[in-house]
C-alpha atoms as a PDB file:
ATOM      1  CA  MET A   1       0.000   0.000   0.000  1.00  0.00           C
ATOM      2  CA  LEU A   2       2.771   2.443   0.933  1.00  0.00           C
ATOM      3  CA  LYS A   3       4.709   1.616  -2.229  1.00  0.00           C
ATOM      4  CA  ARG A   4       1.674   2.334  -4.407  1.00  0.00           C
ATOM      5  CA  ALA A   5       1.073   5.665  -2.673  1.00  0.00           C
ATOM      6  CA  SER A   6       4.699   6.726  -3.060  1.00  0.00           C
ATOM      7  CA  GLY A   7       4.518   5.816  -6.769  1.00  0.00           C
ATOM      8  CA  ARG A   8       1.517   8.121  -7.191  1.00  0.00           C
ATOM      9  CA  CYS A   9       3.373  10.887  -5.352  1.00  0.00           C
ATOM     10  CA  GLU A  10       6.376  10.485  -7.626  1.00  0.00           C
ATOM     11  CA  ARG A  11       4.189  10.624 -10.751  1.00  0.00           C
ATOM     12  CA  HIS A  12       2.423  13.700  -9.408  1.00  0.00           C
ATOM     13  CA  LEU A  13       5.742  15.397  -8.629  1.00  0.00           C
ATOM     14  CA  ILE A  14       7.024  14.616 -12.132  1.00  0.00           C
ATOM     15  CA  LYS A  15       3.823  16.009 -13.685  1.00  0.00           C
ATOM     16  CA  VAL A  16       3.980  19.207 -11.608  1.00  0.00           C
ATOM     17  CA  THR A  17       7.643  19.683 -12.491  1.00  0.00           C
ATOM     18  CA  MET A  18       7.009  19.125 -16.189  1.00  0.00           C
ATOM     19  CA  ASP A  19       4.061  21.552 -16.129  1.00  0.00           C
ATOM     20  CA  PHE A  20       6.250  24.185 -14.453  1.00  0.00           C
ATOM     21  CA  LEU A  21       9.038  23.705 -17.006  1.00  0.00           C
ATOM     22  CA  ALA A  22       6.522  23.897 -19.860  1.00  0.00           C
ATOM     23  CA  ARG A  23       5.127  27.167 -18.468  1.00  0.00           C
ATOM     24  CA  LEU A  24       8.657  28.501 -18.101  1.00  0.00           C
ATOM     25  CA  LEU A  25       9.416  27.711 -21.750  1.00  0.00           C
ATOM     26  CA  ILE A  26       6.111  29.203 -22.894  1.00  0.00           C
ATOM     27  CA  THR A  27       6.844  32.372 -20.948  1.00  0.00           C
ATOM     28  CA  ALA A  28      10.399  32.545 -22.357  1.00  0.00           C
ATOM     29  CA  VAL A  29       9.058  32.278 -25.919  1.00  0.00           C
ATOM     30  CA  ALA A  30       6.427  34.890 -25.109  1.00  0.00           C
ATOM     31  CA  VAL A  31       9.140  37.202 -23.720  1.00  0.00           C
ATOM     32  CA  VAL A  32      11.150  36.917 -26.947  1.00  0.00           C
ATOM     33  CA  LEU A  33       8.065  37.495 -29.112  1.00  0.00           C
ATOM     34  CA  THR A  34       6.883  40.431 -27.003  1.00  0.00           C
ATOM     35  CA  ALA A  35      10.345  42.001 -27.093  1.00  0.00           C
ATOM     36  CA  TYR A  36      10.319  41.618 -30.880  1.00  0.00           C
ATOM     37  CA  LEU A  37       6.909  43.291 -31.178  1.00  0.00           C
ATOM     38  CA  LEU A  38       7.426  46.229 -28.808  1.00  0.00           C
ATOM     39  CA  PRO A  39       9.898  49.054 -29.280  1.00  0.00           C
ATOM     40  CA  GLY A  40      11.760  49.874 -26.094  1.00  0.00           C
ATOM     41  CA  VAL A  41      12.104  46.238 -25.037  1.00  0.00           C
ATOM     42  CA  ALA A  42      15.189  44.135 -25.732  1.00  0.00           C
ATOM     43  CA  VAL A  43      16.273  40.628 -24.778  1.00  0.00           C
ATOM     44  CA  ASP A  44      19.912  39.930 -25.612  1.00  0.00           C
ATOM     45  CA  THR A  45      19.947  36.108 -25.703  1.00  0.00           C
ATOM     46  CA  THR A  46      17.673  33.104 -25.405  1.00  0.00           C
ATOM     47  CA  LEU A  47      19.228  32.375 -22.025  1.00  0.00           C
ATOM     48  CA  ASP A  48      18.238  35.873 -20.907  1.00  0.00           C
ATOM     49  CA  ALA A  49      14.647  35.140 -21.967  1.00  0.00           C
ATOM     50  CA  LEU A  50      14.683  31.959 -19.860  1.00  0.00           C
ATOM     51  CA  LEU A  51      16.130  33.925 -16.944  1.00  0.00           C
ATOM     52  CA  VAL A  52      13.419  36.574 -17.330  1.00  0.00           C
ATOM     53  CA  ALA A  53      10.769  33.847 -17.264  1.00  0.00           C
ATOM     54  CA  ALA A  54      12.277  32.332 -14.110  1.00  0.00           C
ATOM     55  CA  VAL A  55      12.703  35.704 -12.378  1.00  0.00           C
ATOM     56  CA  LEU A  56       9.118  36.688 -13.244  1.00  0.00           C
ATOM     57  CA  ALA A  57       7.880  33.376 -11.848  1.00  0.00           C
ATOM     58  CA  LEU A  58       9.729  33.987  -8.581  1.00  0.00           C
ATOM     59  CA  LEU A  59       8.669  37.624  -8.300  1.00  0.00           C
ATOM     60  CA  ASN A  60       5.042  36.729  -9.052  1.00  0.00           C
ATOM     61  CA  ALA A  61       5.145  33.945  -6.471  1.00  0.00           C
ATOM     62  CA  PHE A  62       6.754  35.862  -3.624  1.00  0.00           C
ATOM     63  CA  LEU A  63       6.691  39.641  -4.148  1.00  0.00           C
ATOM     64  CA  LYS A  64       3.403  40.164  -5.976  1.00  0.00           C
ATOM     65  CA  PRO A  65       1.134  38.739  -3.235  1.00  0.00           C
ATOM     66  CA  LEU A  66       2.812  41.024  -0.704  1.00  0.00           C
ATOM     67  CA  LEU A  67       2.387  44.066  -2.949  1.00  0.00           C
ATOM     68  CA  VAL A  68      -1.245  43.186  -3.630  1.00  0.00           C
ATOM     69  CA  ILE A  69      -2.006  42.941   0.096  1.00  0.00           C
ATOM     70  CA  LEU A  70      -0.209  46.193   0.883  1.00  0.00           C
ATOM     71  CA  THR A  71      -2.037  48.086  -1.868  1.00  0.00           C
ATOM     72  CA  ILE A  72      -5.580  46.793  -1.316  1.00  0.00           C
ATOM     73  CA  PRO A  73      -7.026  50.272  -0.564  1.00  0.00           C
ATOM     74  CA  VAL A  74      -5.557  51.782  -3.747  1.00  0.00           C
ATOM     75  CA  THR A  75      -6.604  48.749  -5.760  1.00  0.00           C
ATOM     76  CA  ILE A  76     -10.180  49.089  -4.519  1.00  0.00           C
ATOM     77  CA  LEU A  77     -10.242  52.837  -5.259  1.00  0.00           C
ATOM     78  CA  THR A  78      -9.003  52.226  -8.806  1.00  0.00           C
ATOM     79  CA  LEU A  79     -11.369  49.281  -9.329  1.00  0.00           C
ATOM     80  CA  GLY A  80      -8.444  46.897  -9.756  1.00  0.00           C
ATOM     81  CA  LEU A  81      -6.491  48.928 -12.297  1.00  0.00           C
ATOM     82  CA  PHE A  82      -3.648  49.408  -9.831  1.00  0.00           C
ATOM     83  CA  LEU A  83      -2.817  45.727 -10.338  1.00  0.00           C
ATOM     84  CA  LEU A  84      -1.510  46.759 -13.766  1.00  0.00           C
ATOM     85  CA  VAL A  85       0.904  49.129 -12.025  1.00  0.00           C
ATOM     86  CA  ILE A  86       2.080  46.266  -9.807  1.00  0.00           C
ATOM     87  CA  ASN A  87       2.655  44.108 -12.896  1.00  0.00           C
ATOM     88  CA  ALA A  88       4.666  46.884 -14.566  1.00  0.00           C
ATOM     89  CA  PHE A  89       6.696  47.347 -11.379  1.00  0.00           C
ATOM     90  CA  ILE A  90       7.501  43.623 -11.306  1.00  0.00           C
ATOM     91  CA  ILE A  91       8.596  43.765 -14.967  1.00  0.00           C
ATOM     92  CA  MET A  92      10.877  46.707 -14.145  1.00  0.00           C
ATOM     93  CA  ILE A  93      12.387  44.807 -11.206  1.00  0.00           C
ATOM     94  CA  ALA A  94      13.019  41.839 -13.508  1.00  0.00           C
ATOM     95  CA  SER A  95      14.801  44.136 -15.967  1.00  0.00           C
ATOM     96  CA  HIS A  96      17.107  45.282 -13.169  1.00  0.00           C
ATOM     97  CA  ILE A  97      17.834  41.698 -12.081  1.00  0.00           C
ATOM     98  CA  VAL A  98      18.439  40.193 -15.548  1.00  0.00           C
ATOM     99  CA  LYS A  99      21.204  42.198 -17.212  1.00  0.00           C
ATOM    100  CA  GLY A 100      20.267  41.058 -20.738  1.00  0.00           C
ATOM    101  CA  PHE A 101      16.662  42.283 -20.437  1.00  0.00           C
ATOM    102  CA  HIS A 102      16.038  45.971 -21.097  1.00  0.00           C
ATOM    103  CA  ILE A 103      12.839  48.000 -20.663  1.00  0.00           C
ATOM    104  CA  ARG A 104      12.780  51.676 -21.648  1.00  0.00           C
ATOM    105  CA  GLY A 105      10.405  52.921 -18.940  1.00  0.00           C
ATOM    106  CA  PHE A 106       7.242  52.466 -16.913  1.00  0.00           C
ATOM    107  CA  TRP A 107       4.763  52.732 -19.806  1.00  0.00           C
ATOM    108  CA  THR A 108       6.772  50.283 -21.860  1.00  0.00           C
ATOM    109  CA  ALA A 109       6.800  47.888 -18.892  1.00  0.00           C
ATOM    110  CA  LEU A 110       3.027  48.270 -18.536  1.00  0.00           C
ATOM    111  CA  LEU A 111       2.447  47.521 -22.221  1.00  0.00           C
ATOM    112  CA  PHE A 112       4.968  44.663 -22.059  1.00  0.00           C
ATOM    113  CA  SER A 113       3.076  43.061 -19.159  1.00  0.00           C
ATOM    114  CA  LEU A 114      -0.235  43.262 -21.052  1.00  0.00           C
ATOM    115  CA  VAL A 115       1.154  41.840 -24.302  1.00  0.00           C
ATOM    116  CA  LEU A 116       3.136  39.156 -22.443  1.00  0.00           C
ATOM    117  CA  SER A 117       0.004  38.050 -20.576  1.00  0.00           C
ATOM    118  CA  PHE A 118      -1.973  37.826 -23.802  1.00  0.00           C
ATOM    119  CA  ILE A 119       0.693  35.893 -25.720  1.00  0.00           C
ATOM    120  CA  SER A 120       1.329  33.531 -22.789  1.00  0.00           C
ATOM    121  CA  SER A 121      -2.399  32.850 -22.484  1.00  0.00           C
ATOM    122  CA  VAL A 122      -2.691  32.036 -26.184  1.00  0.00           C
ATOM    123  CA  PHE A 123       0.333  29.707 -26.099  1.00  0.00           C
ATOM    124  CA  THR A 124      -0.865  28.015 -22.904  1.00  0.00           C
ATOM    125  CA  SER A 125      -4.339  27.403 -24.322  1.00  0.00           C
ATOM    126  CA  LEU A 126      -2.819  25.985 -27.527  1.00  0.00           C
ATOM    127  CA  ALA A 127      -0.602  23.665 -25.483  1.00  0.00           C
ATOM    128  CA  LYS A 128      -3.570  22.444 -23.424  1.00  0.00           C
ATOM    129  CA  LYS A 129      -5.612  21.706 -26.556  1.00  0.00           C
ATOM    130  CA  LYS A 130      -2.879  19.341 -27.770  1.00  0.00           C
ATOM    131  CA  GLU A 131      -3.093  17.249 -24.589  1.00  0.00           C
END
């Protein structure tokens, strides 16, 4: 019984890891495509795009929830639009962390976050349809 349960846990862990890696690759491709489409955004190498995807994943997992909680009053007053500012801020932080990722300014970061979200959503939905 214990062996069967541990086998299920291992399969689940492998699936979760593969899903995370797939999302990371999708985001990296979306970063490259978004940088190609938008002026004021540059990604030097493919490795930099992968690093941007990983840094964004970490910032969204750890920093974003804290920022959302701290800015609840402003978010309510702006009917949720302040969340776009938080996303742009996270993009700007990522550009400071990853040396091969360059964003011209706040408005470019805001537009980058919107286009990146759209492209990532399209790629993710296409990947899920193939399953």
